[in-house]
Amino acid sequence: MPTAVLRIESGNAGTVVSAIEPETRRDLLRTHTDVGLEDGRAVIRIEADDTSAMRAALNSYLECIMITEKIDRITKGSK
């Protein structure tokens, strides 16, 4: 079973966790995800039944992280 652990070091780690946590509660076929804060970092653990499911989960969560970071920059007035 493929497993991935993403550790995001960011001043927005709590925001990232808050944004992703509801997504981890959805029943997604072939994946299981846990998210939380560890040592000030957002940590996302993904287990998948196969590499296709892992790729889809990683793409989804990375996109969500990118959007969260962009929104934070916009709301703080930086580019």
Protein backbone atom coordinates (compact mmCIF):
# COMPACT_ATOMS: atom_id res chain seq x y z
CA MET A 1 0.00 0.00 0.00
CA PRO A 2 1.60 3.32 -1.06
CA THR A 3 2.01 5.84 1.75
CA ALA A 4 3.02 9.52 1.62
CA VAL A 5 3.70 12.04 4.36
CA LEU A 6 3.69 15.73 3.49
CA ARG A 7 5.18 18.19 5.97
CA ILE A 8 4.43 21.81 5.17
CA GLU A 9 6.52 24.42 6.92
CA SER A 10 4.60 27.64 6.69
CA GLY A 11 3.42 30.50 8.80
CA ASN A 12 0.00 29.32 7.62
CA ALA A 13 0.29 25.74 8.90
CA GLY A 14 -2.82 26.05 11.04
CA THR A 15 -4.78 27.53 8.15
CA VAL A 16 -3.61 24.72 5.86
CA VAL A 17 -4.76 22.11 8.38
CA SER A 18 -8.13 23.86 8.80
CA ALA A 19 -8.63 24.03 5.03
CA ILE A 20 -7.70 20.40 4.37
CA GLU A 21 -9.27 18.73 7.40
CA PRO A 22 -12.87 18.75 6.07
CA GLU A 23 -11.62 17.11 2.86
CA THR A 24 -10.03 14.27 4.82
CA ARG A 25 -13.40 13.40 6.36
CA ARG A 26 -14.96 12.66 2.97
CA ASP A 27 -15.18 9.05 1.98
CA LEU A 28 -12.78 8.78 -0.92
CA LEU A 29 -12.44 5.44 -2.58
CA ARG A 30 -9.06 3.78 -2.21
CA THR A 31 -7.47 6.41 0.10
CA HIS A 32 -7.24 7.27 3.79
CA THR A 33 -5.85 10.61 4.95
CA ASP A 34 -4.98 12.12 8.34
CA VAL A 35 -3.99 15.74 8.85
CA GLY A 36 -2.72 17.62 11.87
CA LEU A 37 -0.14 19.99 13.32
CA GLU A 38 3.23 18.68 14.50
CA ASP A 39 5.98 21.02 15.71
CA GLY A 40 4.32 23.97 13.98
CA ARG A 41 4.06 22.15 10.64
CA ALA A 42 1.02 20.91 8.78
CA VAL A 43 1.41 17.15 8.38
CA ILE A 44 -0.69 15.18 5.91
CA ARG A 45 -0.47 11.37 5.89
CA ILE A 46 -2.01 9.60 2.92
CA GLU A 47 -2.44 5.86 2.44
CA ALA A 48 -3.74 4.63 -0.90
CA ASP A 49 -4.68 1.28 -2.36
CA ASP A 50 -2.66 1.94 -5.52
CA THR A 51 -0.47 4.53 -7.24
CA SER A 52 -3.33 6.02 -9.25
CA ALA A 53 -5.30 6.75 -6.08
CA MET A 54 -2.15 8.19 -4.46
CA ARG A 55 -1.49 10.47 -7.43
CA ALA A 56 -5.07 11.76 -7.37
CA ALA A 57 -4.97 12.39 -3.60
CA LEU A 58 -1.60 14.15 -3.75
CA ASN A 59 -2.75 16.36 -6.63
CA SER A 60 -5.92 17.28 -4.76
CA TYR A 61 -4.22 18.14 -1.46
CA LEU A 62 -1.32 20.00 -3.07
CA GLU A 63 -3.79 22.10 -5.07
CA CYS A 64 -5.71 22.90 -1.89
CA ILE A 65 -2.46 23.90 -0.12
CA MET A 66 -1.47 26.15 -3.03
CA ILE A 67 -4.87 27.87 -3.04
CA THR A 68 -4.74 28.35 0.75
CA GLU A 69 -1.30 29.96 0.49
CA LYS A 70 -2.43 32.25 -2.34
CA ILE A 71 -5.53 33.36 -0.44
CA ASP A 72 -3.40 34.12 2.60
CA ARG A 73 -1.02 36.26 0.53
CA ILE A 74 -3.93 38.11 -1.08
CA THR A 75 -5.63 38.84 2.23
CA LYS A 76 -2.35 40.09 3.70
CA GLY A 77 -1.77 42.34 0.68
CA SER A 78 1.44 40.75 -0.60
CA LYS A 79 2.14 39.10 -3.94
